[in-house]
């Protein structure tokens, strides 16, 4: 009998992770289109910003935000891919593998990267808020998330647990 039938949570997790991957890809495509349109229509965008009373630097801040957000989305995509691969090994009944330990370690580093990228995104966001002529219509929340760092710590520990579990399994198989 399939693990999906006996554990519907795994099926739900895979479906949700697949949905997340699709949403992230759509976001990345949207950022690409937005960046191309902003660059391609430079004159019109600059004119609209000037009419709105925004500072001249606003255009360049907007352009800077695109690659920062794209890097965050790319990191999130890799994170979700690795998590989906782990769910697949759980579904197959073999989660304690060196591969999963490496996936968890990579996920930990990706969560650190996402947290580090959130710093310049927050800074540029605050700068955009300040450059806006109508500051009341722009609200940027540039908080640093301790949860992201705790997630990284938990993932590093789990990677070690999985690595130890895989090693113990190899040792046990060697003695049989």
N, C-alpha and C. Protein backbone atom coordinates (compact mmCIF):
# COMPACT_ATOMS: atom_id res chain seq x y z
N UNK A 1 0.84 -1.19 0.00
CA UNK A 1 0.00 0.00 0.00
C UNK A 1 0.88 1.25 0.00
N UNK A 2 0.47 2.23 -0.76
CA UNK A 2 1.21 3.49 -0.88
C UNK A 2 1.24 4.25 0.44
N UNK A 3 2.36 4.90 0.69
CA UNK A 3 2.49 5.72 1.90
C UNK A 3 1.51 6.89 1.86
N UNK A 4 1.20 7.37 0.63
CA UNK A 4 0.26 8.49 0.51
C UNK A 4 -1.12 8.11 1.03
N UNK A 5 -1.50 6.86 0.82
CA UNK A 5 -2.82 6.43 1.29
C UNK A 5 -2.85 6.25 2.80
N UNK A 6 -1.74 5.81 3.38
CA UNK A 6 -1.71 5.61 4.82
C UNK A 6 -1.37 6.88 5.58
N UNK A 7 -0.73 7.84 4.92
CA UNK A 7 -0.38 9.10 5.56
C UNK A 7 -0.74 10.26 4.64
N UNK A 8 -1.99 10.71 4.71
CA UNK A 8 -2.42 11.80 3.81
C UNK A 8 -1.67 13.10 4.05
N UNK A 9 -1.05 13.25 5.22
CA UNK A 9 -0.29 14.46 5.50
C UNK A 9 0.88 14.61 4.53
N UNK A 10 1.51 13.49 4.16
CA UNK A 10 2.61 13.56 3.18
C UNK A 10 2.10 14.04 1.82
N UNK A 11 0.94 13.53 1.42
CA UNK A 11 0.36 13.97 0.15
C UNK A 11 0.02 15.44 0.18
N UNK A 12 -0.53 15.89 1.30
CA UNK A 12 -0.86 17.30 1.46
C UNK A 12 0.41 18.16 1.44
N UNK A 13 1.46 17.67 2.12
CA UNK A 13 2.73 18.41 2.15
C UNK A 13 3.31 18.54 0.75
N UNK A 14 3.31 17.44 -0.01
CA UNK A 14 3.85 17.50 -1.38
C UNK A 14 3.04 18.45 -2.25
N UNK A 15 1.71 18.39 -2.12
CA UNK A 15 0.85 19.26 -2.92
C UNK A 15 1.10 20.73 -2.56
N UNK A 16 1.19 21.02 -1.27
CA UNK A 16 1.42 22.39 -0.82
C UNK A 16 2.79 22.89 -1.28
N UNK A 17 3.81 22.04 -1.18
CA UNK A 17 5.15 22.45 -1.61
C UNK A 17 5.20 22.66 -3.12
N UNK A 18 4.50 21.81 -3.88
CA UNK A 18 4.43 22.00 -5.33
C UNK A 18 3.74 23.31 -5.66
N UNK A 19 2.64 23.60 -4.95
CA UNK A 19 1.94 24.87 -5.14
C UNK A 19 2.86 26.05 -4.83
N UNK A 20 3.63 25.94 -3.74
CA UNK A 20 4.56 27.01 -3.37
C UNK A 20 5.61 27.22 -4.46
N UNK A 21 6.13 26.13 -5.02
CA UNK A 21 7.11 26.25 -6.10
C UNK A 21 6.51 27.00 -7.29
N UNK A 22 5.27 26.67 -7.63
CA UNK A 22 4.61 27.34 -8.75
C UNK A 22 4.43 28.83 -8.46
N UNK A 23 3.99 29.16 -7.26
CA UNK A 23 3.79 30.56 -6.89
C UNK A 23 5.12 31.33 -6.92
N UNK A 24 6.19 30.70 -6.44
CA UNK A 24 7.50 31.36 -6.44
C UNK A 24 7.96 31.61 -7.87
N UNK A 25 7.77 30.62 -8.76
CA UNK A 25 8.16 30.79 -10.16
C UNK A 25 7.35 31.92 -10.80
N UNK A 26 6.05 31.96 -10.51
CA UNK A 26 5.22 33.05 -11.03
C UNK A 26 5.74 34.40 -10.52
N UNK A 27 6.12 34.46 -9.25
CA UNK A 27 6.69 35.68 -8.70
C UNK A 27 7.98 36.08 -9.39
N UNK A 28 8.83 35.09 -9.67
CA UNK A 28 10.10 35.38 -10.35
C UNK A 28 9.85 35.88 -11.76
N UNK A 29 8.90 35.27 -12.46
CA UNK A 29 8.56 35.74 -13.81
C UNK A 29 8.01 37.16 -13.74
N UNK A 30 7.15 37.41 -12.75
CA UNK A 30 6.60 38.76 -12.57
C UNK A 30 7.69 39.79 -12.31
N UNK A 31 8.66 39.42 -11.47
CA UNK A 31 9.79 40.34 -11.22
C UNK A 31 10.58 40.60 -12.49
N UNK A 32 10.79 39.55 -13.28
CA UNK A 32 11.52 39.71 -14.54
C UNK A 32 10.80 40.63 -15.49
N UNK A 33 9.48 40.44 -15.60
CA UNK A 33 8.68 41.30 -16.48
C UNK A 33 8.68 42.74 -15.94
N UNK A 34 8.53 42.87 -14.64
CA UNK A 34 8.55 44.21 -14.04
C UNK A 34 9.87 44.92 -14.25
N UNK A 35 10.97 44.19 -14.08
CA UNK A 35 12.30 44.78 -14.28
C UNK A 35 12.46 45.21 -15.73
N UNK A 36 12.10 44.30 -16.67
CA UNK A 36 12.24 44.63 -18.10
C UNK A 36 11.38 45.84 -18.46
N UNK A 37 10.17 45.89 -17.93
CA UNK A 37 9.28 47.02 -18.24
C UNK A 37 9.82 48.31 -17.63
N UNK A 38 10.35 48.23 -16.42
CA UNK A 38 10.88 49.43 -15.77
C UNK A 38 12.09 49.97 -16.52
N UNK A 39 12.95 49.07 -16.98
CA UNK A 39 14.13 49.50 -17.74
C UNK A 39 13.71 49.96 -19.14
N UNK A 40 12.85 49.17 -19.79
CA UNK A 40 12.43 49.50 -21.16
C UNK A 40 11.63 50.77 -21.26
N UNK A 41 10.88 51.06 -20.23
CA UNK A 41 10.04 52.25 -20.22
C UNK A 41 10.59 53.30 -19.26
N UNK A 42 11.91 53.42 -19.22
CA UNK A 42 12.59 54.30 -18.29
C UNK A 42 12.01 55.71 -18.29
N UNK A 43 11.87 56.28 -19.49
CA UNK A 43 11.39 57.66 -19.59
C UNK A 43 10.00 57.82 -19.00
N UNK A 44 9.11 56.90 -19.35
CA UNK A 44 7.74 57.00 -18.86
C UNK A 44 7.68 56.79 -17.34
N UNK A 45 8.44 55.83 -16.83
CA UNK A 45 8.45 55.57 -15.39
C UNK A 45 9.01 56.79 -14.65
N UNK A 46 10.12 57.33 -15.15
CA UNK A 46 10.72 58.51 -14.51
C UNK A 46 9.76 59.69 -14.54
N UNK A 47 9.04 59.84 -15.64
CA UNK A 47 8.07 60.93 -15.76
C UNK A 47 6.93 60.75 -14.74
N UNK A 48 6.41 59.55 -14.64
CA UNK A 48 5.31 59.27 -13.68
C UNK A 48 5.78 59.52 -12.24
N UNK A 49 7.01 59.09 -11.94
CA UNK A 49 7.55 59.31 -10.59
C UNK A 49 7.71 60.80 -10.31
N UNK A 50 8.19 61.54 -11.31
CA UNK A 50 8.36 62.99 -11.14
C UNK A 50 7.00 63.67 -10.94
N UNK A 51 5.99 63.25 -11.71
CA UNK A 51 4.65 63.82 -11.55
C UNK A 51 4.09 63.53 -10.16
N UNK A 52 4.45 62.36 -9.63
CA UNK A 52 3.97 61.99 -8.29
C UNK A 52 4.75 62.72 -7.20
N UNK A 53 5.82 63.42 -7.60
CA UNK A 53 6.61 64.18 -6.62
C UNK A 53 7.66 63.34 -5.92
N UNK A 54 7.96 62.18 -6.47
CA UNK A 54 8.97 61.31 -5.86
C UNK A 54 10.37 61.84 -6.17
N UNK A 55 11.29 61.54 -5.31
CA UNK A 55 12.69 61.95 -5.52
C UNK A 55 13.25 61.25 -6.76
N UNK A 56 14.27 61.87 -7.35
CA UNK A 56 14.89 61.29 -8.55
C UNK A 56 15.50 59.92 -8.29
N UNK A 57 15.95 59.69 -7.06
CA UNK A 57 16.59 58.42 -6.73
C UNK A 57 15.60 57.26 -6.67
N UNK A 58 14.31 57.57 -6.66
CA UNK A 58 13.29 56.52 -6.52
C UNK A 58 13.41 55.49 -7.64
N UNK A 59 13.63 55.94 -8.86
CA UNK A 59 13.75 55.01 -10.00
C UNK A 59 14.87 54.01 -9.77
N UNK A 60 16.00 54.50 -9.31
CA UNK A 60 17.15 53.61 -9.11
C UNK A 60 16.94 52.69 -7.92
N UNK A 61 16.24 53.17 -6.92
CA UNK A 61 15.91 52.31 -5.78
C UNK A 61 14.96 51.18 -6.20
N UNK A 62 14.02 51.52 -7.07
CA UNK A 62 13.10 50.49 -7.59
C UNK A 62 13.89 49.45 -8.38
N UNK A 63 14.81 49.92 -9.23
CA UNK A 63 15.63 48.98 -10.00
C UNK A 63 16.49 48.10 -9.09
N UNK A 64 16.99 48.65 -8.01
CA UNK A 64 17.80 47.89 -7.06
C UNK A 64 16.97 46.82 -6.35
N UNK A 65 15.71 47.13 -6.12
CA UNK A 65 14.84 46.19 -5.39
C UNK A 65 14.59 44.91 -6.20
N UNK A 66 14.53 45.01 -7.51
CA UNK A 66 14.24 43.84 -8.34
C UNK A 66 15.23 42.69 -8.14
N UNK A 67 16.54 42.92 -8.29
CA UNK A 67 17.47 41.78 -8.11
C UNK A 67 17.51 41.27 -6.67
N UNK A 68 17.30 42.16 -5.70
CA UNK A 68 17.28 41.71 -4.31
C UNK A 68 16.11 40.76 -4.07
N UNK A 69 14.94 41.15 -4.56
CA UNK A 69 13.76 40.28 -4.40
C UNK A 69 13.90 39.00 -5.21
N UNK A 70 14.51 39.10 -6.39
CA UNK A 70 14.72 37.90 -7.21
C UNK A 70 15.66 36.91 -6.50
N UNK A 71 16.69 37.44 -5.86
CA UNK A 71 17.62 36.56 -5.12
C UNK A 71 16.90 35.89 -3.94
N UNK A 72 16.03 36.64 -3.27
CA UNK A 72 15.26 36.04 -2.17
C UNK A 72 14.33 34.95 -2.69
N UNK A 73 13.65 35.22 -3.79
CA UNK A 73 12.75 34.21 -4.35
C UNK A 73 13.51 32.99 -4.85
N UNK A 74 14.68 33.20 -5.45
CA UNK A 74 15.48 32.06 -5.91
C UNK A 74 15.92 31.21 -4.72
N UNK A 75 16.30 31.85 -3.63
CA UNK A 75 16.69 31.11 -2.42
C UNK A 75 15.50 30.35 -1.85
N UNK A 76 14.34 31.00 -1.84
CA UNK A 76 13.13 30.32 -1.35
C UNK A 76 12.78 29.13 -2.23
N UNK A 77 12.96 29.28 -3.53
CA UNK A 77 12.68 28.19 -4.46
C UNK A 77 13.57 26.98 -4.16
N UNK A 78 14.86 27.23 -3.99
CA UNK A 78 15.79 26.14 -3.67
C UNK A 78 15.42 25.49 -2.34
N UNK A 79 15.03 26.30 -1.35
CA UNK A 79 14.64 25.81 -0.03
C UNK A 79 13.45 24.85 -0.16
N UNK A 80 12.43 25.29 -0.89
CA UNK A 80 11.22 24.47 -1.03
C UNK A 80 11.52 23.20 -1.85
N UNK A 81 12.38 23.31 -2.87
CA UNK A 81 12.78 22.12 -3.63
C UNK A 81 13.43 21.07 -2.72
N UNK A 82 14.31 21.52 -1.88
CA UNK A 82 15.01 20.60 -0.98
C UNK A 82 14.04 20.00 0.03
N UNK A 83 13.13 20.80 0.55
CA UNK A 83 12.14 20.28 1.49
C UNK A 83 11.24 19.25 0.80
N UNK A 84 10.87 19.52 -0.45
CA UNK A 84 10.04 18.56 -1.19
C UNK A 84 10.79 17.26 -1.42
N UNK A 85 12.08 17.33 -1.68
CA UNK A 85 12.89 16.12 -1.85
C UNK A 85 12.94 15.31 -0.55
N UNK A 86 13.01 15.99 0.58
CA UNK A 86 13.00 15.30 1.87
C UNK A 86 11.65 14.61 2.09
N UNK A 87 10.58 15.31 1.78
CA UNK A 87 9.24 14.70 1.92
C UNK A 87 9.13 13.46 1.05
N UNK A 88 9.71 13.50 -0.14
CA UNK A 88 9.69 12.33 -1.02
C UNK A 88 10.43 11.15 -0.40
N UNK A 89 11.57 11.41 0.25
CA UNK A 89 12.29 10.30 0.89
C UNK A 89 11.52 9.75 2.08
N UNK A 90 10.81 10.61 2.78
CA UNK A 90 9.95 10.15 3.88
C UNK A 90 8.84 9.28 3.31
N UNK A 91 8.27 9.71 2.22
CA UNK A 91 7.22 8.95 1.55
C UNK A 91 7.72 7.57 1.11
N UNK A 92 8.99 7.53 0.67
CA UNK A 92 9.59 6.26 0.24
C UNK A 92 9.99 5.39 1.42
N UNK A 93 9.94 5.94 2.63
CA UNK A 93 10.27 5.17 3.82
C UNK A 93 11.75 5.14 4.16
N UNK A 94 12.54 6.05 3.59
CA UNK A 94 13.98 6.05 3.84
C UNK A 94 14.50 7.47 4.08
N UNK A 95 14.09 8.11 5.19
CA UNK A 95 14.49 9.51 5.39
C UNK A 95 15.90 9.69 5.94
N UNK A 96 16.44 8.73 6.70
CA UNK A 96 17.75 8.92 7.32
C UNK A 96 18.86 8.55 6.35
N UNK A 97 19.11 9.47 5.42
CA UNK A 97 20.15 9.26 4.41
C UNK A 97 21.12 10.44 4.47
N UNK A 98 22.34 10.21 4.03
CA UNK A 98 23.29 11.34 3.96
C UNK A 98 22.78 12.46 3.06
N UNK A 99 22.02 12.10 2.03
CA UNK A 99 21.47 13.12 1.13
C UNK A 99 20.53 14.06 1.85
N UNK A 100 19.70 13.52 2.74
CA UNK A 100 18.78 14.38 3.49
C UNK A 100 19.54 15.25 4.49
N UNK A 101 20.59 14.72 5.06
CA UNK A 101 21.41 15.53 5.96
C UNK A 101 21.99 16.72 5.20
N UNK A 102 22.45 16.48 3.98
CA UNK A 102 22.98 17.58 3.17
C UNK A 102 21.89 18.56 2.76
N UNK A 103 20.71 18.02 2.44
CA UNK A 103 19.59 18.90 2.09
C UNK A 103 19.23 19.82 3.27
N UNK A 104 19.18 19.26 4.46
CA UNK A 104 18.86 20.06 5.65
C UNK A 104 19.92 21.13 5.90
N UNK A 105 21.19 20.75 5.71
CA UNK A 105 22.26 21.73 5.89
C UNK A 105 22.15 22.84 4.86
N UNK A 106 21.85 22.46 3.61
CA UNK A 106 21.68 23.47 2.56
C UNK A 106 20.47 24.37 2.86
N UNK A 107 19.40 23.78 3.38
CA UNK A 107 18.23 24.57 3.75
C UNK A 107 18.56 25.56 4.87
N UNK A 108 19.41 25.12 5.80
CA UNK A 108 19.82 26.03 6.88
C UNK A 108 20.58 27.22 6.30
N UNK A 109 21.52 26.95 5.41
CA UNK A 109 22.27 28.05 4.80
C UNK A 109 21.36 28.94 3.97
N UNK A 110 20.39 28.34 3.26
CA UNK A 110 19.46 29.14 2.47
C UNK A 110 18.62 30.04 3.36
N UNK A 111 18.22 29.55 4.53
CA UNK A 111 17.45 30.41 5.44
C UNK A 111 18.31 31.55 5.97
N UNK A 112 19.60 31.30 6.18
CA UNK A 112 20.51 32.38 6.58
C UNK A 112 20.63 33.40 5.45
N UNK A 113 20.77 32.92 4.23
CA UNK A 113 20.89 33.81 3.06
C UNK A 113 19.64 34.67 2.92
N UNK A 114 18.47 34.05 3.09
CA UNK A 114 17.22 34.80 2.99
C UNK A 114 17.17 35.89 4.06
N UNK A 115 17.60 35.55 5.27
CA UNK A 115 17.62 36.55 6.34
C UNK A 115 18.59 37.68 6.02
N UNK A 116 19.75 37.34 5.49
CA UNK A 116 20.73 38.37 5.14
C UNK A 116 20.22 39.25 4.00
N UNK A 117 19.53 38.65 3.03
CA UNK A 117 18.98 39.44 1.93
C UNK A 117 17.85 40.35 2.40
N UNK A 118 17.17 39.96 3.47
CA UNK A 118 16.08 40.80 3.96
C UNK A 118 16.59 42.13 4.51
N UNK A 119 17.86 42.18 4.90
CA UNK A 119 18.42 43.43 5.44
C UNK A 119 18.48 44.51 4.35
N UNK A 120 19.15 44.24 3.20
CA UNK A 120 19.15 45.30 2.17
C UNK A 120 17.76 45.55 1.59
N UNK A 121 16.90 44.53 1.53
CA UNK A 121 15.53 44.76 1.04
C UNK A 121 14.82 45.74 1.98
N UNK A 122 14.99 45.55 3.27
CA UNK A 122 14.38 46.47 4.24
C UNK A 122 14.94 47.87 4.13
N UNK A 123 16.26 47.96 3.96
CA UNK A 123 16.90 49.27 3.84
C UNK A 123 16.41 50.00 2.60
N UNK A 124 16.39 49.29 1.46
CA UNK A 124 15.91 49.92 0.22
C UNK A 124 14.43 50.27 0.35
N UNK A 125 13.67 49.41 1.01
CA UNK A 125 12.26 49.71 1.22
C UNK A 125 12.05 50.97 2.03
N UNK A 126 12.82 51.13 3.07
CA UNK A 126 12.72 52.35 3.89
C UNK A 126 13.15 53.56 3.06
N UNK A 127 14.19 53.39 2.25
CA UNK A 127 14.63 54.50 1.40
C UNK A 127 13.54 54.87 0.38
N UNK A 128 12.84 53.85 -0.15
CA UNK A 128 11.73 54.13 -1.07
C UNK A 128 10.61 54.86 -0.36
N UNK A 129 10.35 54.45 0.87
CA UNK A 129 9.31 55.11 1.67
C UNK A 129 9.66 56.59 1.88
N UNK A 130 10.92 56.85 2.20
CA UNK A 130 11.35 58.22 2.45
C UNK A 130 11.39 59.04 1.16
N UNK A 131 11.66 58.38 0.02
CA UNK A 131 11.74 59.11 -1.25
C UNK A 131 10.35 59.39 -1.82
N UNK A 132 9.34 58.71 -1.29
CA UNK A 132 7.99 58.90 -1.79
C UNK A 132 7.45 60.25 -1.36
N UNK A 133 6.82 60.95 -2.29
CA UNK A 133 6.25 62.26 -1.97
C UNK A 133 5.05 62.08 -1.04
N UNK A 134 4.32 61.00 -1.23
CA UNK A 134 3.15 60.72 -0.39
C UNK A 134 3.52 59.59 0.56
N UNK A 135 4.33 59.90 1.55
CA UNK A 135 4.85 58.89 2.48
C UNK A 135 3.74 58.17 3.22
N UNK A 136 2.58 58.77 3.33
CA UNK A 136 1.48 58.11 4.03
C UNK A 136 0.97 56.90 3.25
N UNK A 137 1.15 56.89 1.91
CA UNK A 137 0.65 55.77 1.10
C UNK A 137 1.64 54.62 1.03
N UNK A 138 2.87 54.82 1.50
CA UNK A 138 3.89 53.77 1.47
C UNK A 138 4.22 53.41 2.91
N UNK A 139 4.09 52.12 3.22
CA UNK A 139 4.40 51.66 4.57
C UNK A 139 5.32 50.46 4.47
N UNK A 140 6.53 50.60 4.98
CA UNK A 140 7.53 49.54 4.92
C UNK A 140 7.77 49.02 6.32
N UNK A 141 7.69 47.70 6.46
CA UNK A 141 7.97 47.05 7.73
C UNK A 141 9.31 46.35 7.57
N UNK A 142 10.36 46.91 8.14
CA UNK A 142 11.71 46.39 7.95
C UNK A 142 12.24 45.75 9.23
N UNK A 143 11.43 44.87 9.82
CA UNK A 143 11.86 44.19 11.03
C UNK A 143 12.80 43.05 10.71
N UNK A 144 13.73 42.80 11.61
CA UNK A 144 14.63 41.66 11.49
C UNK A 144 13.94 40.48 12.16
N UNK A 145 13.91 39.33 11.49
CA UNK A 145 13.18 38.17 12.01
C UNK A 145 14.11 37.22 12.76
N UNK A 146 13.90 37.11 14.04
CA UNK A 146 14.66 36.13 14.82
C UNK A 146 14.19 34.73 14.48
N UNK A 147 12.95 34.59 14.01
CA UNK A 147 12.42 33.28 13.65
C UNK A 147 13.21 32.64 12.51
N UNK A 148 13.65 33.45 11.56
CA UNK A 148 14.46 32.91 10.47
C UNK A 148 15.79 32.37 10.95
N UNK A 149 16.39 33.05 11.91
CA UNK A 149 17.65 32.56 12.46
C UNK A 149 17.43 31.31 13.31
N UNK A 150 16.32 31.27 14.04
CA UNK A 150 15.99 30.07 14.81
C UNK A 150 15.74 28.88 13.87
N UNK A 151 15.08 29.14 12.75
CA UNK A 151 14.86 28.10 11.76
C UNK A 151 16.20 27.56 11.26
N UNK A 152 17.13 28.44 10.96
CA UNK A 152 18.45 28.01 10.50
C UNK A 152 19.13 27.14 11.56
N UNK A 153 19.07 27.57 12.80
CA UNK A 153 19.67 26.80 13.89
C UNK A 153 19.05 25.41 14.00
N UNK A 154 17.73 25.33 13.96
CA UNK A 154 17.03 24.04 14.03
C UNK A 154 17.43 23.16 12.84
N UNK A 155 17.53 23.75 11.66
CA UNK A 155 17.90 22.97 10.48
C UNK A 155 19.34 22.46 10.57
N UNK A 156 20.25 23.28 11.08
CA UNK A 156 21.63 22.81 11.26
C UNK A 156 21.67 21.63 12.24
N UNK A 157 20.89 21.72 13.32
CA UNK A 157 20.85 20.63 14.31
C UNK A 157 20.23 19.39 13.69
N UNK A 158 19.13 19.55 12.97
CA UNK A 158 18.49 18.40 12.32
C UNK A 158 19.41 17.76 11.29
N UNK A 159 20.19 18.56 10.59
CA UNK A 159 21.14 18.00 9.63
C UNK A 159 22.14 17.10 10.34
N UNK A 160 22.58 17.54 11.49
CA UNK A 160 23.52 16.73 12.27
C UNK A 160 22.85 15.44 12.77
N UNK A 161 21.59 15.56 13.20
CA UNK A 161 20.83 14.38 13.65
C UNK A 161 20.68 13.39 12.49
N UNK A 162 20.32 13.88 11.33
CA UNK A 162 20.14 13.01 10.17
C UNK A 162 21.47 12.38 9.75
N UNK A 163 22.54 13.15 9.81
CA UNK A 163 23.86 12.62 9.45
C UNK A 163 24.24 11.50 10.43
N UNK A 164 24.00 11.72 11.72
CA UNK A 164 24.31 10.71 12.73
C UNK A 164 23.41 9.49 12.54
N UNK A 165 22.13 9.71 12.27
CA UNK A 165 21.21 8.59 12.03
C UNK A 165 21.62 7.77 10.82
N UNK A 166 22.03 8.43 9.76
CA UNK A 166 22.46 7.71 8.56
C UNK A 166 23.74 6.91 8.85
N UNK A 167 24.66 7.50 9.62
CA UNK A 167 25.89 6.81 9.97
C UNK A 167 25.60 5.60 10.85
N UNK A 168 24.70 5.76 11.82
CA UNK A 168 24.33 4.64 12.69
C UNK A 168 23.69 3.52 11.89
N UNK A 169 22.88 3.87 10.93
CA UNK A 169 22.25 2.86 10.07
C UNK A 169 23.29 2.12 9.24
N UNK A 170 24.25 2.85 8.69
CA UNK A 170 25.34 2.21 7.94
C UNK A 170 26.15 1.27 8.82
N UNK A 171 26.44 1.72 10.05
CA UNK A 171 27.19 0.87 10.98
C UNK A 171 26.41 -0.38 11.33
N UNK A 172 25.11 -0.24 11.52
CA UNK A 172 24.25 -1.39 11.85
C UNK A 172 24.18 -2.37 10.68
N UNK A 173 24.07 -1.83 9.47
CA UNK A 173 24.05 -2.72 8.30
C UNK A 173 25.36 -3.42 8.11
N UNK A 174 26.46 -2.79 8.51
CA UNK A 174 27.77 -3.41 8.37
C UNK A 174 27.99 -4.54 9.36
N UNK A 175 27.27 -4.51 10.49
CA UNK A 175 27.46 -5.57 11.49
C UNK A 175 26.55 -6.78 11.23
N UNK A 176 25.53 -6.60 10.42
CA UNK A 176 24.59 -7.71 10.17
C UNK A 176 25.13 -8.64 9.11
